[in-house]
Amino acid sequence: MANRDVERGGKKNRGANNNYFYDESSGETHWTSWLIPAIVVANLAVFIAVMFVNDCPKKITGANKECVARFLGRFSFQPLKENPLFGPSSSTLEKMGALEWRKVVHEHQGWRLLSCMWLHAGIIHLLTNMLSLIFIGIRLEQQFGFIRVGLIYLISGLGGSILSSLFLQESISVGASGALFGLLGAMLSELLTNWTIYANKAAALITLLFIIAINLALGMLPRVDNFAHIGGFLTGFCLGFVLLVRPQYGWEVSHTNTSRTKRKYSMYQYALFVVAVVLLVVGLTVALVMLFKGENGNKHCKWCHYLSCFPTSKWTC
């Protein structure tokens, strides 16, 4: 991939499923998951369409610039020196809707904030993200339904794109990892706000924090858009307090016993709901205003660039 490409990497662990620690005897409705599989199919279809448009054999000439897997015809991949992830060229991704700050701000192409979520830098990038989405998203959709999980996925992806545009203004970015990190963030806030219904609270919290920390740390490698990860995670974290609230432990029993009625939601759940709504609305509004005013986030935070790539003796950023 060309130097100006930034991949939103995603290598989530299926151990992130905090439902393992949840007491399912509550009798809550379990939904049939169809949205997450549909999103996976849509991402695969978009990748095929991108490779069709890319048409490597037609655009690459010369003995030293052989397309990879030429037997695939126009679906063959760019040379590995250009794109080691087995995918299209930077120009094709840009043409198909990759996130690019100049086009969003100066050419009024705000739709790229959402379109970039459906593009992937290569087959490796696509497979890692889609496998992660299946492991994380299907169980969430079974627990909370397609509307809430769909909203978290889309809004978190938007939040990741906004933060990425504020800090990475010299490269293009593609991938669904901002939305995926939003689902991880929502899982964490769901655990915190529904604390009373979990049997193994400490184990669930430690497992989730470990998985989140590892994935954010991987985002500090070169060519990975960790700002999309962070923005998606923070957005999903706030949305979890708003959309994934469950009745507190013991409410169903007390609800049937009129002599001992218990509140459906505790006071701390209400408090977290209000705080999350305020932070979400204010954060997205301020970030969007800064973005379309052409602000550069690095000017307001001198050290933030280390969050996306930390230079070492092994690589440069």
C-alpha atoms as a PDB file:
ATOM      1  CA  MET A   1       0.000   0.000   0.000  1.00  0.00           C
ATOM      2  CA  ALA A   2       1.248   3.491  -0.694  1.00  0.00           C
ATOM      3  CA  ASN A   3       2.629   5.426   2.263  1.00  0.00           C
ATOM      4  CA  ARG A   4      -0.430   7.607   2.458  1.00  0.00           C
ATOM      5  CA  ASP A   5      -2.761   4.701   3.170  1.00  0.00           C
ATOM      6  CA  VAL A   6      -3.847   4.058   6.706  1.00  0.00           C
ATOM      7  CA  GLU A   7      -5.526   0.780   7.560  1.00  0.00           C
ATOM      8  CA  ARG A   8      -7.970   0.513  10.395  1.00  0.00           C
ATOM      9  CA  GLY A   9      -6.704  -2.787  11.688  1.00  0.00           C
ATOM     10  CA  GLY A  10      -8.884  -5.051  13.797  1.00  0.00           C
ATOM     11  CA  LYS A  11      -7.744  -8.264  15.487  1.00  0.00           C
ATOM     12  CA  LYS A  12     -10.344  -8.694  18.167  1.00  0.00           C
ATOM     13  CA  ASN A  13     -10.509 -11.777  20.336  1.00  0.00           C
ATOM     14  CA  ARG A  14     -13.630 -13.877  20.555  1.00  0.00           C
ATOM     15  CA  GLY A  15     -13.017 -13.980  24.299  1.00  0.00           C
ATOM     16  CA  ALA A  16     -14.522 -10.510  24.360  1.00  0.00           C
ATOM     17  CA  ASN A  17     -17.916 -12.106  24.729  1.00  0.00           C
ATOM     18  CA  ASN A  18     -18.903 -10.907  28.206  1.00  0.00           C
ATOM     19  CA  ASN A  19     -22.179 -12.807  27.944  1.00  0.00           C
ATOM     20  CA  TYR A  20     -20.170 -15.776  29.312  1.00  0.00           C
ATOM     21  CA  PHE A  21     -20.404 -14.133  32.725  1.00  0.00           C
ATOM     22  CA  TYR A  22     -24.077 -13.206  32.508  1.00  0.00           C
ATOM     23  CA  ASP A  23     -26.804 -15.092  34.297  1.00  0.00           C
ATOM     24  CA  GLU A  24     -29.231 -15.937  31.467  1.00  0.00           C
ATOM     25  CA  SER A  25     -31.912 -17.131  33.871  1.00  0.00           C
ATOM     26  CA  SER A  26     -33.475 -13.676  33.723  1.00  0.00           C
ATOM     27  CA  GLY A  27     -35.669 -14.813  30.835  1.00  0.00           C
ATOM     28  CA  GLU A  28     -34.873 -11.856  28.578  1.00  0.00           C
ATOM     29  CA  THR A  29     -35.720 -12.112  24.884  1.00  0.00           C
ATOM     30  CA  HIS A  30     -32.988 -13.516  22.647  1.00  0.00           C
ATOM     31  CA  TRP A  31     -33.093 -12.105  19.144  1.00  0.00           C
ATOM     32  CA  THR A  32     -32.192 -13.820  15.905  1.00  0.00           C
ATOM     33  CA  SER A  33     -29.077 -12.202  14.465  1.00  0.00           C
ATOM     34  CA  TRP A  34     -29.481 -11.101  10.856  1.00  0.00           C
ATOM     35  CA  LEU A  35     -28.030  -7.573  10.746  1.00  0.00           C
ATOM     36  CA  ILE A  36     -24.436  -8.542  11.521  1.00  0.00           C
ATOM     37  CA  PRO A  37     -24.391 -11.280   8.829  1.00  0.00           C
ATOM     38  CA  ALA A  38     -25.914  -8.734   6.421  1.00  0.00           C
ATOM     39  CA  ILE A  39     -23.148  -6.244   7.242  1.00  0.00           C
ATOM     40  CA  VAL A  40     -20.533  -8.927   6.602  1.00  0.00           C
ATOM     41  CA  VAL A  41     -22.094  -9.763   3.226  1.00  0.00           C
ATOM     42  CA  ALA A  42     -22.269  -6.052   2.350  1.00  0.00           C
ATOM     43  CA  ASN A  43     -18.571  -5.570   3.155  1.00  0.00           C
ATOM     44  CA  LEU A  44     -17.647  -8.573   1.018  1.00  0.00           C
ATOM     45  CA  ALA A  45     -19.766  -7.248  -1.867  1.00  0.00           C
ATOM     46  CA  VAL A  46     -18.176  -3.801  -1.623  1.00  0.00           C
ATOM     47  CA  PHE A  47     -14.680  -5.317  -1.645  1.00  0.00           C
ATOM     48  CA  ILE A  48     -15.507  -7.296  -4.798  1.00  0.00           C
ATOM     49  CA  ALA A  49     -16.850  -4.122  -6.417  1.00  0.00           C
ATOM     50  CA  VAL A  50     -13.686  -2.215  -5.455  1.00  0.00           C
ATOM     51  CA  MET A  51     -11.462  -4.913  -6.960  1.00  0.00           C
ATOM     52  CA  PHE A  52     -13.569  -4.849 -10.133  1.00  0.00           C
ATOM     53  CA  VAL A  53     -13.011  -1.112 -10.453  1.00  0.00           C
ATOM     54  CA  ASN A  54      -9.326  -1.463  -9.542  1.00  0.00           C
ATOM     55  CA  ASP A  55      -8.581  -3.740 -12.548  1.00  0.00           C
ATOM     56  CA  CYS A  56      -4.875  -4.201 -11.763  1.00  0.00           C
ATOM     57  CA  PRO A  57      -3.813  -5.886 -15.059  1.00  0.00           C
ATOM     58  CA  LYS A  58      -5.077  -2.946 -17.082  1.00  0.00           C
ATOM     59  CA  LYS A  59      -3.301  -0.310 -14.993  1.00  0.00           C
ATOM     60  CA  ILE A  60      -0.048  -2.065 -14.064  1.00  0.00           C
ATOM     61  CA  THR A  61       2.561  -2.526 -16.784  1.00  0.00           C
ATOM     62  CA  GLY A  62       6.215  -3.559 -16.771  1.00  0.00           C
ATOM     63  CA  ALA A  63       8.104  -6.710 -15.819  1.00  0.00           C
ATOM     64  CA  ASN A  64       8.786  -5.516 -12.270  1.00  0.00           C
ATOM     65  CA  LYS A  65       5.186  -4.567 -11.556  1.00  0.00           C
ATOM     66  CA  GLU A  66       3.305  -7.828 -11.728  1.00  0.00           C
ATOM     67  CA  CYS A  67      -0.162  -8.007 -10.222  1.00  0.00           C
ATOM     68  CA  VAL A  68      -0.638 -10.643  -7.536  1.00  0.00           C
ATOM     69  CA  ALA A  69      -2.844 -13.640  -8.452  1.00  0.00           C
ATOM     70  CA  ARG A  70      -3.149 -12.643 -12.110  1.00  0.00           C
ATOM     71  CA  PHE A  71      -5.355 -15.680 -12.741  1.00  0.00           C
ATOM     72  CA  LEU A  72      -8.140 -13.653 -11.088  1.00  0.00           C
ATOM     73  CA  GLY A  73      -8.116 -11.298 -14.041  1.00  0.00           C
ATOM     74  CA  ARG A  74      -9.323  -7.800 -13.249  1.00  0.00           C
ATOM     75  CA  PHE A  75      -9.867  -8.927  -9.638  1.00  0.00           C
ATOM     76  CA  SER A  76      -6.137  -9.563  -9.104  1.00  0.00           C
ATOM     77  CA  PHE A  77      -4.323  -7.606  -6.397  1.00  0.00           C
ATOM     78  CA  GLN A  78      -1.844  -4.753  -6.579  1.00  0.00           C
ATOM     79  CA  PRO A  79       1.888  -5.616  -6.331  1.00  0.00           C
ATOM     80  CA  LEU A  80       2.850  -6.458  -2.745  1.00  0.00           C
ATOM     81  CA  LYS A  81       5.319  -3.561  -2.591  1.00  0.00           C
ATOM     82  CA  GLU A  82       2.387  -1.241  -3.128  1.00  0.00           C
ATOM     83  CA  ASN A  83      -0.194  -3.105  -1.043  1.00  0.00           C
ATOM     84  CA  PRO A  84       1.019  -5.965   1.209  1.00  0.00           C
ATOM     85  CA  LEU A  85      -2.563  -6.681   2.319  1.00  0.00           C
ATOM     86  CA  PHE A  86      -3.635  -8.117  -1.070  1.00  0.00           C
ATOM     87  CA  GLY A  87      -5.951  -5.365  -2.166  1.00  0.00           C
ATOM     88  CA  PRO A  88      -6.541  -2.406  -4.484  1.00  0.00           C
ATOM     89  CA  SER A  89      -4.501   0.732  -5.078  1.00  0.00           C
ATOM     90  CA  SER A  90      -4.699   3.907  -3.023  1.00  0.00           C
ATOM     91  CA  SER A  91      -6.230   5.774  -5.947  1.00  0.00           C
ATOM     92  CA  THR A  92      -9.018   3.198  -6.275  1.00  0.00           C
ATOM     93  CA  LEU A  93      -9.837   3.387  -2.563  1.00  0.00           C
ATOM     94  CA  GLU A  94      -9.885   7.174  -2.778  1.00  0.00           C
ATOM     95  CA  LYS A  95     -12.169   7.013  -5.803  1.00  0.00           C
ATOM     96  CA  MET A  96     -14.562   4.606  -4.062  1.00  0.00           C
ATOM     97  CA  GLY A  97     -14.996   6.693  -0.905  1.00  0.00           C
ATOM     98  CA  ALA A  98     -11.960   6.413   1.375  1.00  0.00           C
ATOM     99  CA  LEU A  99     -11.706   8.964   4.175  1.00  0.00           C
ATOM    100  CA  GLU A 100      -9.582  11.924   3.118  1.00  0.00           C
ATOM    101  CA  TRP A 101      -9.562  15.146   5.117  1.00  0.00           C
ATOM    102  CA  ARG A 102      -9.204  17.528   2.174  1.00  0.00           C
ATOM    103  CA  LYS A 103     -12.133  16.054   0.298  1.00  0.00           C
ATOM    104  CA  VAL A 104     -14.335  16.038   3.410  1.00  0.00           C
ATOM    105  CA  VAL A 105     -13.565  19.614   4.437  1.00  0.00           C
ATOM    106  CA  HIS A 106     -12.680  21.499   1.252  1.00  0.00           C
ATOM    107  CA  GLU A 107     -14.740  19.588  -1.292  1.00  0.00           C
ATOM    108  CA  HIS A 108     -17.753  19.102   1.010  1.00  0.00           C
ATOM    109  CA  GLN A 109     -17.738  15.312   0.727  1.00  0.00           C
ATOM    110  CA  GLY A 110     -18.927  14.585   4.248  1.00  0.00           C
ATOM    111  CA  TRP A 111     -20.396  11.276   3.086  1.00  0.00           C
ATOM    112  CA  ARG A 112     -16.851   9.872   3.208  1.00  0.00           C
ATOM    113  CA  LEU A 113     -17.134   9.808   6.994  1.00  0.00           C
ATOM    114  CA  LEU A 114     -19.532   6.881   6.549  1.00  0.00           C
ATOM    115  CA  SER A 115     -18.486   5.379   3.214  1.00  0.00           C
ATOM    116  CA  CYS A 116     -14.959   4.623   4.459  1.00  0.00           C
ATOM    117  CA  MET A 117     -16.452   2.140   6.961  1.00  0.00           C
ATOM    118  CA  TRP A 118     -17.398  -0.187   4.117  1.00  0.00           C
ATOM    119  CA  LEU A 119     -14.023  -0.181   2.369  1.00  0.00           C
ATOM    120  CA  HIS A 120     -10.983  -2.305   3.203  1.00  0.00           C
ATOM    121  CA  ALA A 121      -7.339  -2.012   2.221  1.00  0.00           C
ATOM    122  CA  GLY A 122      -7.021  -5.693   1.310  1.00  0.00           C
ATOM    123  CA  ILE A 123      -8.298  -9.214   1.741  1.00  0.00           C
ATOM    124  CA  ILE A 124      -6.307  -9.655   4.984  1.00  0.00           C
ATOM    125  CA  HIS A 125      -7.752  -6.441   6.390  1.00  0.00           C
ATOM    126  CA  LEU A 126     -11.253  -7.497   5.340  1.00  0.00           C
ATOM    127  CA  LEU A 127     -11.081 -11.009   6.814  1.00  0.00           C
ATOM    128  CA  THR A 128      -9.699  -9.916  10.197  1.00  0.00           C
ATOM    129  CA  ASN A 129     -12.383  -7.261  10.569  1.00  0.00           C
ATOM    130  CA  MET A 130     -15.253  -9.493   9.447  1.00  0.00           C
ATOM    131  CA  LEU A 131     -14.213 -12.394  11.695  1.00  0.00           C
ATOM    132  CA  SER A 132     -14.011  -9.959  14.600  1.00  0.00           C
ATOM    133  CA  LEU A 133     -17.427  -8.563  13.736  1.00  0.00           C
ATOM    134  CA  ILE A 134     -18.942 -12.047  13.683  1.00  0.00           C
ATOM    135  CA  PHE A 135     -17.461 -13.012  17.059  1.00  0.00           C
ATOM    136  CA  ILE A 136     -18.428  -9.743  18.747  1.00  0.00           C
ATOM    137  CA  GLY A 137     -21.526  -8.551  16.929  1.00  0.00           C
ATOM    138  CA  ILE A 138     -23.676 -11.653  16.588  1.00  0.00           C
ATOM    139  CA  ARG A 139     -23.887 -12.281  20.338  1.00  0.00           C
ATOM    140  CA  LEU A 140     -24.598  -8.605  21.014  1.00  0.00           C
ATOM    141  CA  GLU A 141     -27.382  -8.610  18.440  1.00  0.00           C
ATOM    142  CA  GLN A 142     -28.843 -11.757  19.989  1.00  0.00           C
ATOM    143  CA  GLN A 143     -28.946 -10.007  23.357  1.00  0.00           C
ATOM    144  CA  PHE A 144     -30.089  -6.517  22.384  1.00  0.00           C
ATOM    145  CA  GLY A 145     -31.623  -6.689  18.912  1.00  0.00           C
ATOM    146  CA  PHE A 146     -30.634  -5.270  15.543  1.00  0.00           C
ATOM    147  CA  ILE A 147     -31.802  -1.669  16.115  1.00  0.00           C
ATOM    148  CA  ARG A 148     -29.598  -0.939  19.112  1.00  0.00           C
ATOM    149  CA  VAL A 149     -26.578  -2.829  17.804  1.00  0.00           C
ATOM    150  CA  GLY A 150     -26.991  -1.257  14.362  1.00  0.00           C
ATOM    151  CA  LEU A 151     -27.096   2.241  15.839  1.00  0.00           C
ATOM    152  CA  ILE A 152     -23.979   1.578  17.905  1.00  0.00           C
ATOM    153  CA  TYR A 153     -22.154   0.205  14.869  1.00  0.00           C
ATOM    154  CA  LEU A 154     -22.974   3.145  12.582  1.00  0.00           C
ATOM    155  CA  ILE A 155     -22.601   5.986  15.091  1.00  0.00           C
ATOM    156  CA  SER A 156     -19.351   4.533  16.455  1.00  0.00           C
ATOM    157  CA  GLY A 157     -18.005   4.259  12.921  1.00  0.00           C
ATOM    158  CA  LEU A 158     -18.900   7.919  12.393  1.00  0.00           C
ATOM    159  CA  GLY A 159     -17.203   8.899  15.649  1.00  0.00           C
ATOM    160  CA  GLY A 160     -14.065   7.038  14.618  1.00  0.00           C
ATOM    161  CA  SER A 161     -14.026   8.736  11.218  1.00  0.00           C
ATOM    162  CA  ILE A 162     -14.418  12.197  12.761  1.00  0.00           C
ATOM    163  CA  LEU A 163     -11.511  11.731  15.183  1.00  0.00           C
ATOM    164  CA  SER A 164      -9.383  10.211  12.436  1.00  0.00           C
ATOM    165  CA  SER A 165     -10.043  13.219  10.184  1.00  0.00           C
ATOM    166  CA  LEU A 166      -9.057  15.629  12.933  1.00  0.00           C
ATOM    167  CA  PHE A 167      -5.654  14.032  13.516  1.00  0.00           C
ATOM    168  CA  LEU A 168      -4.659  12.184  10.314  1.00  0.00           C
ATOM    169  CA  GLN A 169      -4.935  14.779   7.592  1.00  0.00           C
ATOM    170  CA  GLU A 170      -2.123  13.658   5.292  1.00  0.00           C
ATOM    171  CA  SER A 171      -3.329  10.116   4.590  1.00  0.00           C
ATOM    172  CA  ILE A 172      -6.428   8.256   3.527  1.00  0.00           C
ATOM    173  CA  SER A 173      -8.170   5.801   5.820  1.00  0.00           C
ATOM    174  CA  VAL A 174     -10.510   2.847   5.314  1.00  0.00           C
ATOM    175  CA  GLY A 175     -11.970   0.045   7.403  1.00  0.00           C
ATOM    176  CA  ALA A 176     -14.718  -0.982   9.810  1.00  0.00           C
ATOM    177  CA  SER A 177     -12.532  -1.075  12.900  1.00  0.00           C
ATOM    178  CA  GLY A 178     -13.911   2.184  14.325  1.00  0.00           C
ATOM    179  CA  ALA A 179     -17.351   0.566  14.374  1.00  0.00           C
ATOM    180  CA  LEU A 180     -15.886  -2.654  15.798  1.00  0.00           C
ATOM    181  CA  PHE A 181     -14.179  -0.784  18.619  1.00  0.00           C
ATOM    182  CA  GLY A 182     -17.526   0.909  19.231  1.00  0.00           C
ATOM    183  CA  LEU A 183     -19.046  -2.511  19.878  1.00  0.00           C
ATOM    184  CA  LEU A 184     -16.186  -3.293  22.286  1.00  0.00           C
ATOM    185  CA  GLY A 185     -16.738   0.022  24.065  1.00  0.00           C
ATOM    186  CA  ALA A 186     -20.460  -0.685  24.303  1.00  0.00           C
ATOM    187  CA  MET A 187     -19.728  -4.101  25.800  1.00  0.00           C
ATOM    188  CA  LEU A 188     -17.638  -2.447  28.510  1.00  0.00           C
ATOM    189  CA  SER A 189     -20.234   0.180  29.397  1.00  0.00           C
ATOM    190  CA  GLU A 190     -22.972  -2.471  29.290  1.00  0.00           C
ATOM    191  CA  LEU A 191     -21.028  -4.451  31.873  1.00  0.00           C
ATOM    192  CA  LEU A 192     -20.597  -1.391  34.095  1.00  0.00           C
ATOM    193  CA  THR A 193     -24.169  -0.113  33.922  1.00  0.00           C
ATOM    194  CA  ASN A 194     -25.658  -3.610  34.376  1.00  0.00           C
ATOM    195  CA  TRP A 195     -23.152  -4.540  37.074  1.00  0.00           C
ATOM    196  CA  THR A 196     -25.667  -6.168  39.422  1.00  0.00           C
ATOM    197  CA  ILE A 197     -26.769  -8.901  36.984  1.00  0.00           C
ATOM    198  CA  TYR A 198     -23.310 -10.370  36.397  1.00  0.00           C
ATOM    199  CA  ALA A 199     -22.160 -13.327  38.452  1.00  0.00           C
ATOM    200  CA  ASN A 200     -18.392 -13.048  37.828  1.00  0.00           C
ATOM    201  CA  LYS A 201     -17.980  -9.278  37.724  1.00  0.00           C
ATOM    202  CA  ALA A 202     -14.221  -9.054  38.253  1.00  0.00           C
ATOM    203  CA  ALA A 203     -13.454 -11.777  35.698  1.00  0.00           C
ATOM    204  CA  ALA A 204     -15.717 -10.136  33.086  1.00  0.00           C
ATOM    205  CA  LEU A 205     -14.185  -6.693  33.648  1.00  0.00           C
ATOM    206  CA  ILE A 206     -10.574  -7.909  33.581  1.00  0.00           C
ATOM    207  CA  THR A 207     -11.186  -9.954  30.426  1.00  0.00           C
ATOM    208  CA  LEU A 208     -12.742  -7.042  28.569  1.00  0.00           C
ATOM    209  CA  LEU A 209     -10.129  -4.506  29.689  1.00  0.00           C
ATOM    210  CA  PHE A 210      -7.320  -6.848  28.666  1.00  0.00           C
ATOM    211  CA  ILE A 211      -8.784  -7.370  25.168  1.00  0.00           C
ATOM    212  CA  ILE A 212      -9.411  -3.649  24.695  1.00  0.00           C
ATOM    213  CA  ALA A 213      -5.911  -2.716  25.896  1.00  0.00           C
ATOM    214  CA  ILE A 214      -4.238  -5.246  23.575  1.00  0.00           C
ATOM    215  CA  ASN A 215      -6.179  -4.026  20.547  1.00  0.00           C
ATOM    216  CA  LEU A 216      -5.515  -0.354  21.284  1.00  0.00           C
ATOM    217  CA  ALA A 217      -1.821  -1.157  21.751  1.00  0.00           C
ATOM    218  CA  LEU A 218      -1.743  -2.893  18.350  1.00  0.00           C
ATOM    219  CA  GLY A 219      -3.177   0.307  16.922  1.00  0.00           C
ATOM    220  CA  MET A 220       0.078   2.102  17.782  1.00  0.00           C
ATOM    221  CA  LEU A 221       1.886   0.153  15.049  1.00  0.00           C
ATOM    222  CA  PRO A 222       2.672   1.969  11.777  1.00  0.00           C
ATOM    223  CA  ARG A 223       0.009   2.200   9.049  1.00  0.00           C
ATOM    224  CA  VAL A 224      -2.858   1.542  11.471  1.00  0.00           C
ATOM    225  CA  ASP A 225      -5.439   4.270  12.138  1.00  0.00           C
ATOM    226  CA  ASN A 226      -5.668   4.141  15.924  1.00  0.00           C
ATOM    227  CA  PHE A 227      -7.571   7.431  16.056  1.00  0.00           C
ATOM    228  CA  ALA A 228     -10.473   5.679  14.339  1.00  0.00           C
ATOM    229  CA  HIS A 229     -10.199   2.939  16.976  1.00  0.00           C
ATOM    230  CA  ILE A 230     -10.166   5.435  19.859  1.00  0.00           C
ATOM    231  CA  GLY A 231     -12.972   7.567  18.428  1.00  0.00           C
ATOM    232  CA  GLY A 232     -15.124   4.516  17.780  1.00  0.00           C
ATOM    233  CA  PHE A 233     -14.406   3.087  21.220  1.00  0.00           C
ATOM    234  CA  LEU A 234     -15.303   6.300  23.069  1.00  0.00           C
ATOM    235  CA  THR A 235     -18.485   6.736  21.028  1.00  0.00           C
ATOM    236  CA  GLY A 236     -19.556   3.139  21.604  1.00  0.00           C
ATOM    237  CA  PHE A 237     -18.679   3.397  25.293  1.00  0.00           C
ATOM    238  CA  CYS A 238     -21.095   6.320  25.707  1.00  0.00           C
ATOM    239  CA  LEU A 239     -23.775   4.653  23.587  1.00  0.00           C
ATOM    240  CA  GLY A 240     -23.649   1.513  25.725  1.00  0.00           C
ATOM    241  CA  PHE A 241     -24.821   3.484  28.772  1.00  0.00           C
ATOM    242  CA  VAL A 242     -27.709   4.828  26.693  1.00  0.00           C
ATOM    243  CA  LEU A 243     -28.850   1.863  24.594  1.00  0.00           C
ATOM    244  CA  LEU A 244     -27.811  -1.274  26.483  1.00  0.00           C
ATOM    245  CA  VAL A 245     -29.333  -0.688  29.918  1.00  0.00           C
ATOM    246  CA  ARG A 246     -30.981  -3.727  31.546  1.00  0.00           C
ATOM    247  CA  PRO A 247     -33.303  -3.833  34.579  1.00  0.00           C
ATOM    248  CA  GLN A 248     -31.308  -4.218  37.777  1.00  0.00           C
ATOM    249  CA  TYR A 249     -30.965  -7.563  39.505  1.00  0.00           C
ATOM    250  CA  GLY A 250     -34.104  -8.698  41.359  1.00  0.00           C
ATOM    251  CA  TRP A 251     -36.491  -6.321  39.591  1.00  0.00           C
ATOM    252  CA  GLU A 252     -38.514  -9.071  37.881  1.00  0.00           C
ATOM    253  CA  VAL A 253     -39.064 -10.907  41.160  1.00  0.00           C
ATOM    254  CA  SER A 254     -40.083  -7.738  42.998  1.00  0.00           C
ATOM    255  CA  HIS A 255     -42.290  -6.696  40.071  1.00  0.00           C
ATOM    256  CA  THR A 256     -44.456  -9.773  40.591  1.00  0.00           C
ATOM    257  CA  ASN A 257     -44.466  -9.254  44.347  1.00  0.00           C
ATOM    258  CA  THR A 258     -46.484  -6.092  44.956  1.00  0.00           C
ATOM    259  CA  SER A 259     -45.477  -5.992  48.634  1.00  0.00           C
ATOM    260  CA  ARG A 260     -41.801  -5.485  47.724  1.00  0.00           C
ATOM    261  CA  THR A 261     -41.592  -3.380  44.595  1.00  0.00           C
ATOM    262  CA  LYS A 262     -38.071  -2.588  43.376  1.00  0.00           C
ATOM    263  CA  ARG A 263     -37.068   0.119  40.915  1.00  0.00           C
ATOM    264  CA  LYS A 264     -36.554  -1.193  37.399  1.00  0.00           C
ATOM    265  CA  TYR A 265     -33.397   0.865  37.020  1.00  0.00           C
ATOM    266  CA  SER A 266     -31.081   2.038  39.775  1.00  0.00           C
ATOM    267  CA  MET A 267     -30.102   5.651  40.359  1.00  0.00           C
ATOM    268  CA  TYR A 268     -26.559   5.102  39.098  1.00  0.00           C
ATOM    269  CA  GLN A 269     -27.963   3.744  35.821  1.00  0.00           C
ATOM    270  CA  TYR A 270     -29.995   6.923  35.368  1.00  0.00           C
ATOM    271  CA  ALA A 271     -26.946   9.044  36.238  1.00  0.00           C
ATOM    272  CA  LEU A 272     -24.712   7.198  33.771  1.00  0.00           C
ATOM    273  CA  PHE A 273     -27.411   7.545  31.096  1.00  0.00           C
ATOM    274  CA  VAL A 274     -27.600  11.332  31.496  1.00  0.00           C
ATOM    275  CA  VAL A 275     -23.823  11.834  31.636  1.00  0.00           C
ATOM    276  CA  ALA A 276     -23.313   9.626  28.566  1.00  0.00           C
ATOM    277  CA  VAL A 277     -25.953  11.496  26.528  1.00  0.00           C
ATOM    278  CA  VAL A 278     -24.377  14.857  27.382  1.00  0.00           C
ATOM    279  CA  LEU A 279     -20.835  13.676  26.592  1.00  0.00           C
ATOM    280  CA  LEU A 280     -21.961  12.069  23.346  1.00  0.00           C
ATOM    281  CA  VAL A 281     -23.898  15.070  22.046  1.00  0.00           C
ATOM    282  CA  VAL A 282     -21.298  17.644  23.125  1.00  0.00           C
ATOM    283  CA  GLY A 283     -18.350  15.544  21.936  1.00  0.00           C
ATOM    284  CA  LEU A 284     -19.719  14.807  18.474  1.00  0.00           C
ATOM    285  CA  THR A 285     -20.938  18.388  18.007  1.00  0.00           C
ATOM    286  CA  VAL A 286     -17.619  19.964  18.991  1.00  0.00           C
ATOM    287  CA  ALA A 287     -15.646  17.471  16.892  1.00  0.00           C
ATOM    288  CA  LEU A 288     -17.807  18.079  13.809  1.00  0.00           C
ATOM    289  CA  VAL A 289     -17.526  21.867  14.193  1.00  0.00           C
ATOM    290  CA  MET A 290     -13.738  21.605  14.519  1.00  0.00           C
ATOM    291  CA  LEU A 291     -13.540  19.286  11.511  1.00  0.00           C
ATOM    292  CA  PHE A 292     -15.537  21.450   9.109  1.00  0.00           C
ATOM    293  CA  LYS A 293     -13.715  24.572  10.289  1.00  0.00           C
ATOM    294  CA  GLY A 294     -10.537  22.889   9.085  1.00  0.00           C
ATOM    295  CA  GLU A 295      -8.949  22.507  12.524  1.00  0.00           C
ATOM    296  CA  ASN A 296      -5.964  20.209  12.991  1.00  0.00           C
ATOM    297  CA  GLY A 297      -6.257  18.226  16.204  1.00  0.00           C
ATOM    298  CA  ASN A 298      -2.480  17.892  16.484  1.00  0.00           C
ATOM    299  CA  LYS A 299      -2.185  21.642  17.062  1.00  0.00           C
ATOM    300  CA  HIS A 300      -4.372  21.343  20.152  1.00  0.00           C
ATOM    301  CA  CYS A 301      -2.706  18.161  21.417  1.00  0.00           C
ATOM    302  CA  LYS A 302       1.042  18.003  20.756  1.00  0.00           C
ATOM    303  CA  TRP A 303       1.503  14.450  22.031  1.00  0.00           C
ATOM    304  CA  CYS A 304      -1.626  12.828  20.596  1.00  0.00           C
ATOM    305  CA  HIS A 305       0.142  11.609  17.451  1.00  0.00           C
ATOM    306  CA  TYR A 306       1.863   8.995  19.625  1.00  0.00           C
ATOM    307  CA  LEU A 307      -1.540   7.373  20.157  1.00  0.00           C
ATOM    308  CA  SER A 308      -1.665   6.283  16.529  1.00  0.00           C
ATOM    309  CA  CYS A 309       1.982   5.422  15.948  1.00  0.00           C
ATOM    310  CA  PHE A 310       4.713   5.202  18.550  1.00  0.00           C
ATOM    311  CA  PRO A 311       8.191   5.387  16.958  1.00  0.00           C
ATOM    312  CA  THR A 312      10.792   2.810  17.996  1.00  0.00           C
ATOM    313  CA  SER A 313      14.180   1.591  16.752  1.00  0.00           C
ATOM    314  CA  LYS A 314      12.302  -0.985  14.643  1.00  0.00           C
ATOM    315  CA  TRP A 315      10.073   1.422  12.723  1.00  0.00           C
ATOM    316  CA  THR A 316       9.347   5.079  12.058  1.00  0.00           C
ATOM    317  CA  CYS A 317       6.052   6.872  11.852  1.00  0.00           C
END
